[in-house]
PDB file of N, CA and C in Angstrom:
ATOM      1  N   UNK A   1       0.835  -1.185   0.000  1.00  0.00           N
ATOM      2  CA  UNK A   1       0.000   0.000   0.000  1.00  0.00           C
ATOM      3  C   UNK A   1       0.878   1.247   0.000  1.00  0.00           C
ATOM      4  N   UNK A   2       0.551   2.226  -0.813  1.00  0.00           N
ATOM      5  CA  UNK A   2       1.342   3.443  -0.819  1.00  0.00           C
ATOM      6  C   UNK A   2       1.082   4.251   0.453  1.00  0.00           C
ATOM      7  N   UNK A   3       2.128   4.673   1.092  1.00  0.00           N
ATOM      8  CA  UNK A   3       2.014   5.509   2.284  1.00  0.00           C
ATOM      9  C   UNK A   3       2.911   6.719   2.105  1.00  0.00           C
ATOM     10  N   UNK A   4       2.792   7.646   3.037  1.00  0.00           N
ATOM     11  CA  UNK A   4       3.652   8.824   2.988  1.00  0.00           C
ATOM     12  C   UNK A   4       5.112   8.412   3.085  1.00  0.00           C
ATOM     13  N   UNK A   5       5.387   7.378   3.862  1.00  0.00           N
ATOM     14  CA  UNK A   5       6.773   6.953   4.074  1.00  0.00           C
ATOM     15  C   UNK A   5       7.356   6.202   2.883  1.00  0.00           C
ATOM     16  N   UNK A   6       6.567   5.341   2.241  1.00  0.00           N
ATOM     17  CA  UNK A   6       7.163   4.471   1.226  1.00  0.00           C
ATOM     18  C   UNK A   6       6.914   4.883  -0.222  1.00  0.00           C
ATOM     19  N   UNK A   7       6.043   5.818  -0.490  1.00  0.00           N
ATOM     20  CA  UNK A   7       5.835   6.229  -1.878  1.00  0.00           C
ATOM     21  C   UNK A   7       5.504   7.716  -1.972  1.00  0.00           C
ATOM     22  N   UNK A   8       4.452   8.113  -1.311  1.00  0.00           N
ATOM     23  CA  UNK A   8       3.944   9.466  -1.497  1.00  0.00           C
ATOM     24  C   UNK A   8       4.955  10.543  -1.122  1.00  0.00           C
ATOM     25  N   UNK A   9       5.772  10.289  -0.133  1.00  0.00           N
ATOM     26  CA  UNK A   9       6.765  11.270   0.273  1.00  0.00           C
ATOM     27  C   UNK A   9       7.914  11.417  -0.702  1.00  0.00           C
ATOM     28  N   UNK A  10       8.045  10.478  -1.608  1.00  0.00           N
ATOM     29  CA  UNK A  10       9.166  10.523  -2.549  1.00  0.00           C
ATOM     30  C   UNK A  10       8.765  10.982  -3.947  1.00  0.00           C
ATOM     31  N   UNK A  11       7.506  11.332  -4.127  1.00  0.00           N
ATOM     32  CA  UNK A  11       7.052  11.820  -5.432  1.00  0.00           C
ATOM     33  C   UNK A  11       6.544  13.251  -5.283  1.00  0.00           C
ATOM     34  N   UNK A  12       6.349  13.907  -6.390  1.00  0.00           N
ATOM     35  CA  UNK A  12       5.844  15.281  -6.371  1.00  0.00           C
ATOM     36  C   UNK A  12       4.385  15.302  -5.928  1.00  0.00           C
ATOM     37  N   UNK A  13       3.921  16.499  -5.556  1.00  0.00           N
ATOM     38  CA  UNK A  13       2.507  16.645  -5.197  1.00  0.00           C
ATOM     39  C   UNK A  13       1.623  16.249  -6.376  1.00  0.00           C
ATOM     40  N   UNK A  14       2.059  16.578  -7.584  1.00  0.00           N
ATOM     41  CA  UNK A  14       1.279  16.237  -8.776  1.00  0.00           C
ATOM     42  C   UNK A  14       1.134  14.726  -8.930  1.00  0.00           C
ATOM     43  N   UNK A  15       2.218  13.982  -8.673  1.00  0.00           N
ATOM     44  CA  UNK A  15       2.159  12.515  -8.772  1.00  0.00           C
ATOM     45  C   UNK A  15       1.275  11.944  -7.665  1.00  0.00           C
ATOM     46  N   UNK A  16       1.351  12.506  -6.473  1.00  0.00           N
ATOM     47  CA  UNK A  16       0.506  12.051  -5.372  1.00  0.00           C
ATOM     48  C   UNK A  16      -0.962  12.303  -5.707  1.00  0.00           C
ATOM     49  N   UNK A  17      -1.238  13.462  -6.280  1.00  0.00           N
ATOM     50  CA  UNK A  17      -2.593  13.803  -6.698  1.00  0.00           C
ATOM     51  C   UNK A  17      -3.073  12.853  -7.789  1.00  0.00           C
ATOM     52  N   UNK A  18      -2.189  12.534  -8.718  1.00  0.00           N
ATOM     53  CA  UNK A  18      -2.493  11.574  -9.784  1.00  0.00           C
ATOM     54  C   UNK A  18      -2.825  10.198  -9.195  1.00  0.00           C
ATOM     55  N   UNK A  19      -2.123   9.822  -8.148  1.00  0.00           N
ATOM     56  CA  UNK A  19      -2.379   8.539  -7.490  1.00  0.00           C
ATOM     57  C   UNK A  19      -3.782   8.508  -6.900  1.00  0.00           C
ATOM     58  N   UNK A  20      -4.170   9.591  -6.244  1.00  0.00           N
ATOM     59  CA  UNK A  20      -5.511   9.657  -5.649  1.00  0.00           C
ATOM     60  C   UNK A  20      -6.570   9.598  -6.739  1.00  0.00           C
ATOM     61  N   UNK A  21      -6.368  10.340  -7.808  1.00  0.00           N
ATOM     62  CA  UNK A  21      -7.341  10.334  -8.904  1.00  0.00           C
ATOM     63  C   UNK A  21      -7.423   8.959  -9.553  1.00  0.00           C
ATOM     64  N   UNK A  22      -6.280   8.308  -9.741  1.00  0.00           N
ATOM     65  CA  UNK A  22      -6.271   6.976 -10.340  1.00  0.00           C
ATOM     66  C   UNK A  22      -6.950   5.936  -9.472  1.00  0.00           C
ATOM     67  N   UNK A  23      -6.811   6.071  -8.170  1.00  0.00           N
ATOM     68  CA  UNK A  23      -7.380   5.083  -7.250  1.00  0.00           C
ATOM     69  C   UNK A  23      -8.848   5.324  -6.949  1.00  0.00           C
ATOM     70  N   UNK A  24      -9.243   6.599  -6.898  1.00  0.00           N
ATOM     71  CA  UNK A  24     -10.605   6.911  -6.468  1.00  0.00           C
ATOM     72  C   UNK A  24     -11.482   7.480  -7.567  1.00  0.00           C
ATOM     73  N   UNK A  25     -10.859   7.992  -8.628  1.00  0.00           N
ATOM     74  CA  UNK A  25     -11.625   8.635  -9.687  1.00  0.00           C
ATOM     75  C   UNK A  25     -12.013  10.066  -9.343  1.00  0.00           C
ATOM     76  N   UNK A  26     -11.522  10.564  -8.198  1.00  0.00           N
ATOM     77  CA  UNK A  26     -11.876  11.905  -7.741  1.00  0.00           C
ATOM     78  C   UNK A  26     -10.688  12.839  -7.934  1.00  0.00           C
ATOM     79  N   UNK A  27     -10.943  13.983  -8.551  1.00  0.00           N
ATOM     80  CA  UNK A  27      -9.900  14.989  -8.728  1.00  0.00           C
ATOM     81  C   UNK A  27      -9.860  15.847  -7.468  1.00  0.00           C
ATOM     82  N   UNK A  28      -8.792  15.757  -6.714  1.00  0.00           N
ATOM     83  CA  UNK A  28      -8.661  16.474  -5.444  1.00  0.00           C
ATOM     84  C   UNK A  28      -7.830  17.743  -5.572  1.00  0.00           C
ATOM     85  N   UNK A  29      -7.701  18.262  -6.769  1.00  0.00           N
ATOM     86  CA  UNK A  29      -6.876  19.448  -6.992  1.00  0.00           C
ATOM     87  C   UNK A  29      -7.328  20.610  -6.122  1.00  0.00           C
ATOM     88  N   UNK A  30      -8.623  20.883  -6.085  1.00  0.00           N
ATOM     89  CA  UNK A  30      -9.132  22.004  -5.292  1.00  0.00           C
ATOM     90  C   UNK A  30      -8.932  21.761  -3.805  1.00  0.00           C
ATOM     91  N   UNK A  31      -9.135  20.530  -3.365  1.00  0.00           N
ATOM     92  CA  UNK A  31      -8.971  20.213  -1.947  1.00  0.00           C
ATOM     93  C   UNK A  31      -7.526  20.413  -1.501  1.00  0.00           C
ATOM     94  N   UNK A  32      -6.578  20.175  -2.402  1.00  0.00           N
ATOM     95  CA  UNK A  32      -5.159  20.288  -2.062  1.00  0.00           C
ATOM     96  C   UNK A  32      -4.584  21.671  -2.346  1.00  0.00           C
ATOM     97  N   UNK A  33      -5.376  22.547  -2.924  1.00  0.00           N
ATOM     98  CA  UNK A  33      -4.883  23.885  -3.251  1.00  0.00           C
ATOM     99  C   UNK A  33      -4.405  24.583  -1.982  1.00  0.00           C
ATOM    100  N   UNK A  34      -3.212  25.121  -2.041  1.00  0.00           N
ATOM    101  CA  UNK A  34      -2.667  25.853  -0.905  1.00  0.00           C
ATOM    102  C   UNK A  34      -1.982  24.999   0.145  1.00  0.00           C
ATOM    103  N   UNK A  35      -2.069  23.683   0.016  1.00  0.00           N
ATOM    104  CA  UNK A  35      -1.409  22.802   0.986  1.00  0.00           C
ATOM    105  C   UNK A  35       0.083  22.736   0.683  1.00  0.00           C
ATOM    106  N   UNK A  36       0.866  22.706   1.725  1.00  0.00           N
ATOM    107  CA  UNK A  36       2.298  22.441   1.576  1.00  0.00           C
ATOM    108  C   UNK A  36       2.449  20.937   1.382  1.00  0.00           C
ATOM    109  N   UNK A  37       3.615  20.506   0.898  1.00  0.00           N
ATOM    110  CA  UNK A  37       3.800  19.096   0.558  1.00  0.00           C
ATOM    111  C   UNK A  37       3.480  18.150   1.716  1.00  0.00           C
ATOM    112  N   UNK A  38       3.949  18.386   2.937  1.00  0.00           N
ATOM    113  CA  UNK A  38       3.619  17.441   4.018  1.00  0.00           C
ATOM    114  C   UNK A  38       2.110  17.281   4.248  1.00  0.00           C
ATOM    115  N   UNK A  39       1.376  18.391   4.167  1.00  0.00           N
ATOM    116  CA  UNK A  39      -0.083  18.325   4.317  1.00  0.00           C
ATOM    117  C   UNK A  39      -0.717  17.581   3.150  1.00  0.00           C
ATOM    118  N   UNK A  40      -0.240  17.873   1.942  1.00  0.00           N
ATOM    119  CA  UNK A  40      -0.782  17.236   0.742  1.00  0.00           C
ATOM    120  C   UNK A  40      -0.529  15.732   0.767  1.00  0.00           C
ATOM    121  N   UNK A  41       0.655  15.326   1.206  1.00  0.00           N
ATOM    122  CA  UNK A  41       0.992  13.906   1.268  1.00  0.00           C
ATOM    123  C   UNK A  41       0.121  13.209   2.301  1.00  0.00           C
ATOM    124  N   UNK A  42      -0.084  13.836   3.449  1.00  0.00           N
ATOM    125  CA  UNK A  42      -0.958  13.256   4.478  1.00  0.00           C
ATOM    126  C   UNK A  42      -2.385  13.135   3.948  1.00  0.00           C
ATOM    127  N   UNK A  43      -2.841  14.151   3.228  1.00  0.00           N
ATOM    128  CA  UNK A  43      -4.177  14.124   2.629  1.00  0.00           C
ATOM    129  C   UNK A  43      -4.299  12.957   1.644  1.00  0.00           C
ATOM    130  N   UNK A  44      -3.321  12.822   0.762  1.00  0.00           N
ATOM    131  CA  UNK A  44      -3.347  11.745  -0.232  1.00  0.00           C
ATOM    132  C   UNK A  44      -3.274  10.377   0.441  1.00  0.00           C
ATOM    133  N   UNK A  45      -2.434  10.245   1.450  1.00  0.00           N
ATOM    134  CA  UNK A  45      -2.317   8.974   2.166  1.00  0.00           C
ATOM    135  C   UNK A  45      -3.648   8.595   2.797  1.00  0.00           C
ATOM    136  N   UNK A  46      -4.357   9.577   3.341  1.00  0.00           N
ATOM    137  CA  UNK A  46      -5.657   9.273   3.955  1.00  0.00           C
ATOM    138  C   UNK A  46      -6.677   8.844   2.906  1.00  0.00           C
ATOM    139  N   UNK A  47      -6.598   9.410   1.710  1.00  0.00           N
ATOM    140  CA  UNK A  47      -7.529   9.039   0.634  1.00  0.00           C
ATOM    141  C   UNK A  47      -7.229   7.645   0.084  1.00  0.00           C
ATOM    142  N   UNK A  48      -5.959   7.240   0.129  1.00  0.00           N
ATOM    143  CA  UNK A  48      -5.565   5.936  -0.414  1.00  0.00           C
ATOM    144  C   UNK A  48      -5.640   4.819   0.622  1.00  0.00           C
ATOM    145  N   UNK A  49      -5.781   5.190   1.884  1.00  0.00           N
ATOM    146  CA  UNK A  49      -5.807   4.194   2.957  1.00  0.00           C
ATOM    147  C   UNK A  49      -6.948   3.196   2.741  1.00  0.00           C
ATOM    148  N   UNK A  50      -6.618   1.933   2.838  1.00  0.00           N
ATOM    149  CA  UNK A  50      -7.615   0.874   2.697  1.00  0.00           C
ATOM    150  C   UNK A  50      -7.903   0.458   1.263  1.00  0.00           C
ATOM    151  N   UNK A  51      -7.357   1.188   0.303  1.00  0.00           N
ATOM    152  CA  UNK A  51      -7.560   0.830  -1.102  1.00  0.00           C
ATOM    153  C   UNK A  51      -6.427  -0.079  -1.542  1.00  0.00           C
ATOM    154  N   UNK A  52      -6.650  -0.837  -2.561  1.00  0.00           N
ATOM    155  CA  UNK A  52      -5.626  -1.764  -3.054  1.00  0.00           C
ATOM    156  C   UNK A  52      -4.930  -1.196  -4.284  1.00  0.00           C
ATOM    157  N   UNK A  53      -4.642   0.073  -4.256  1.00  0.00           N
ATOM    158  CA  UNK A  53      -3.998   0.757  -5.368  1.00  0.00           C
ATOM    159  C   UNK A  53      -2.490   0.618  -5.265  1.00  0.00           C
ATOM    160  N   UNK A  54      -1.844   0.426  -6.392  1.00  0.00           N
ATOM    161  CA  UNK A  54      -0.380   0.394  -6.467  1.00  0.00           C
ATOM    162  C   UNK A  54       0.086   1.293  -7.601  1.00  0.00           C
ATOM    163  N   UNK A  55       1.240   1.916  -7.448  1.00  0.00           N
ATOM    164  CA  UNK A  55       1.806   2.684  -8.552  1.00  0.00           C
ATOM    165  C   UNK A  55       2.089   1.753  -9.734  1.00  0.00           C
ATOM    166  N   UNK A  56       2.028   2.277 -10.930  1.00  0.00           N
ATOM    167  CA  UNK A  56       2.213   1.472 -12.140  1.00  0.00           C
ATOM    168  C   UNK A  56       3.474   0.599 -12.095  1.00  0.00           C
ATOM    169  N   UNK A  57       4.624   1.120 -11.666  1.00  0.00           N
ATOM    170  CA  UNK A  57       5.821   0.256 -11.670  1.00  0.00           C
ATOM    171  C   UNK A  57       5.722  -0.959 -10.737  1.00  0.00           C
ATOM    172  N   UNK A  58       4.835  -0.917  -9.774  1.00  0.00           N
ATOM    173  CA  UNK A  58       4.700  -2.032  -8.835  1.00  0.00           C
ATOM    174  C   UNK A  58       3.588  -3.008  -9.199  1.00  0.00           C
ATOM    175  N   UNK A  59       2.827  -2.677 -10.206  1.00  0.00           N
ATOM    176  CA  UNK A  59       1.733  -3.568 -10.612  1.00  0.00           C
ATOM    177  C   UNK A  59       2.272  -4.780 -11.354  1.00  0.00           C
ATOM    178  N   UNK A  60       1.643  -5.920 -11.108  1.00  0.00           N
ATOM    179  CA  UNK A  60       2.040  -7.154 -11.798  1.00  0.00           C
ATOM    180  C   UNK A  60       1.620  -7.052 -13.258  1.00  0.00           C
ATOM    181  N   UNK A  61       2.472  -7.524 -14.102  1.00  0.00           N
ATOM    182  CA  UNK A  61       2.122  -7.558 -15.527  1.00  0.00           C
ATOM    183  C   UNK A  61       1.264  -8.776 -15.792  1.00  0.00           C
ATOM    184  N   UNK A  62       0.329  -8.625 -16.699  1.00  0.00           N
ATOM    185  CA  UNK A  62      -0.497  -9.766 -17.102  1.00  0.00           C
ATOM    186  C   UNK A  62       0.376 -10.713 -17.920  1.00  0.00           C
ATOM    187  N   UNK A  63       0.198 -11.975 -17.685  1.00  0.00           N
ATOM    188  CA  UNK A  63       0.955 -12.975 -18.447  1.00  0.00           C
ATOM    189  C   UNK A  63       0.517 -12.931 -19.902  1.00  0.00           C
ATOM    190  N   UNK A  64       1.444 -13.156 -20.795  1.00  0.00           N
ATOM    191  CA  UNK A  64       1.105 -13.208 -22.214  1.00  0.00           C
ATOM    192  C   UNK A  64       0.591 -14.602 -22.527  1.00  0.00           C
ATOM    193  N   UNK A  65      -0.697 -14.717 -22.780  1.00  0.00           N
ATOM    194  CA  UNK A  65      -1.223 -16.047 -23.082  1.00  0.00           C
ATOM    195  C   UNK A  65      -0.676 -16.571 -24.410  1.00  0.00           C
ATOM    196  N   UNK A  66      -0.430 -17.833 -24.458  1.00  0.00           N
ATOM    197  CA  UNK A  66       0.048 -18.475 -25.681  1.00  0.00           C
ATOM    198  C   UNK A  66      -1.173 -18.959 -26.437  1.00  0.00           C
ATOM    199  N   UNK A  67      -1.261 -18.567 -27.691  1.00  0.00           N
ATOM    200  CA  UNK A  67      -2.410 -19.001 -28.478  1.00  0.00           C
ATOM    201  C   UNK A  67      -2.175 -20.418 -28.994  1.00  0.00           C
ATOM    202  N   UNK A  68      -3.247 -21.073 -29.370  1.00  0.00           N
ATOM    203  CA  UNK A  68      -3.160 -22.428 -29.908  1.00  0.00           C
ATOM    204  C   UNK A  68      -2.302 -22.431 -31.162  1.00  0.00           C
ATOM    205  N   UNK A  69      -2.419 -21.404 -31.988  1.00  0.00           N
ATOM    206  CA  UNK A  69      -1.639 -21.312 -33.215  1.00  0.00           C
ATOM    207  C   UNK A  69      -0.143 -21.270 -32.890  1.00  0.00           C
ATOM    208  N   UNK A  70       0.252 -20.522 -31.854  1.00  0.00           N
ATOM    209  CA  UNK A  70       1.659 -20.456 -31.450  1.00  0.00           C
ATOM    210  C   UNK A  70       2.168 -21.817 -30.996  1.00  0.00           C
ATOM    211  N   UNK A  71       1.364 -22.560 -30.276  1.00  0.00           N
ATOM    212  CA  UNK A  71       1.774 -23.875 -29.786  1.00  0.00           C
ATOM    213  C   UNK A  71       1.953 -24.865 -30.932  1.00  0.00           C
ATOM    214  N   UNK A  72       1.116 -24.763 -31.966  1.00  0.00           N
ATOM    215  CA  UNK A  72       1.192 -25.681 -33.100  1.00  0.00           C
ATOM    216  C   UNK A  72       2.449 -25.451 -33.923  1.00  0.00           C
ATOM    217  N   UNK A  73       2.986 -24.225 -33.917  1.00  0.00           N
ATOM    218  CA  UNK A  73       4.157 -23.933 -34.740  1.00  0.00           C
ATOM    219  C   UNK A  73       5.464 -24.348 -34.075  1.00  0.00           C
ATOM    220  N   UNK A  74       5.429 -24.893 -32.874  1.00  0.00           N
ATOM    221  CA  UNK A  74       6.632 -25.341 -32.157  1.00  0.00           C
ATOM    222  C   UNK A  74       6.991 -26.778 -32.502  1.00  0.00           C
ATOM    223  N   UNK A  75       7.007 -27.157 -33.734  1.00  0.00           N
ATOM    224  CA  UNK A  75       7.266 -28.544 -34.144  1.00  0.00           C
ATOM    225  C   UNK A  75       8.614 -28.983 -33.763  1.00  0.00           C
TER     226      UNK A  75
END
């Protein structure tokens, strides 16, 4: 889970905001207006708490399924 300590604190406010929007579908730009980074990170962490969201680099890739045609060509 992304937290202020392990992810949100190491990215820009814009990336943290992007994380909240990606996880919740809610644009929190207005809510974060005027916040300093520590406040913004705490805000984003609270919005992501309990969700199963991961940053793109940490997401598992889907396996590439092998089609029947590919298997037949392995003579």
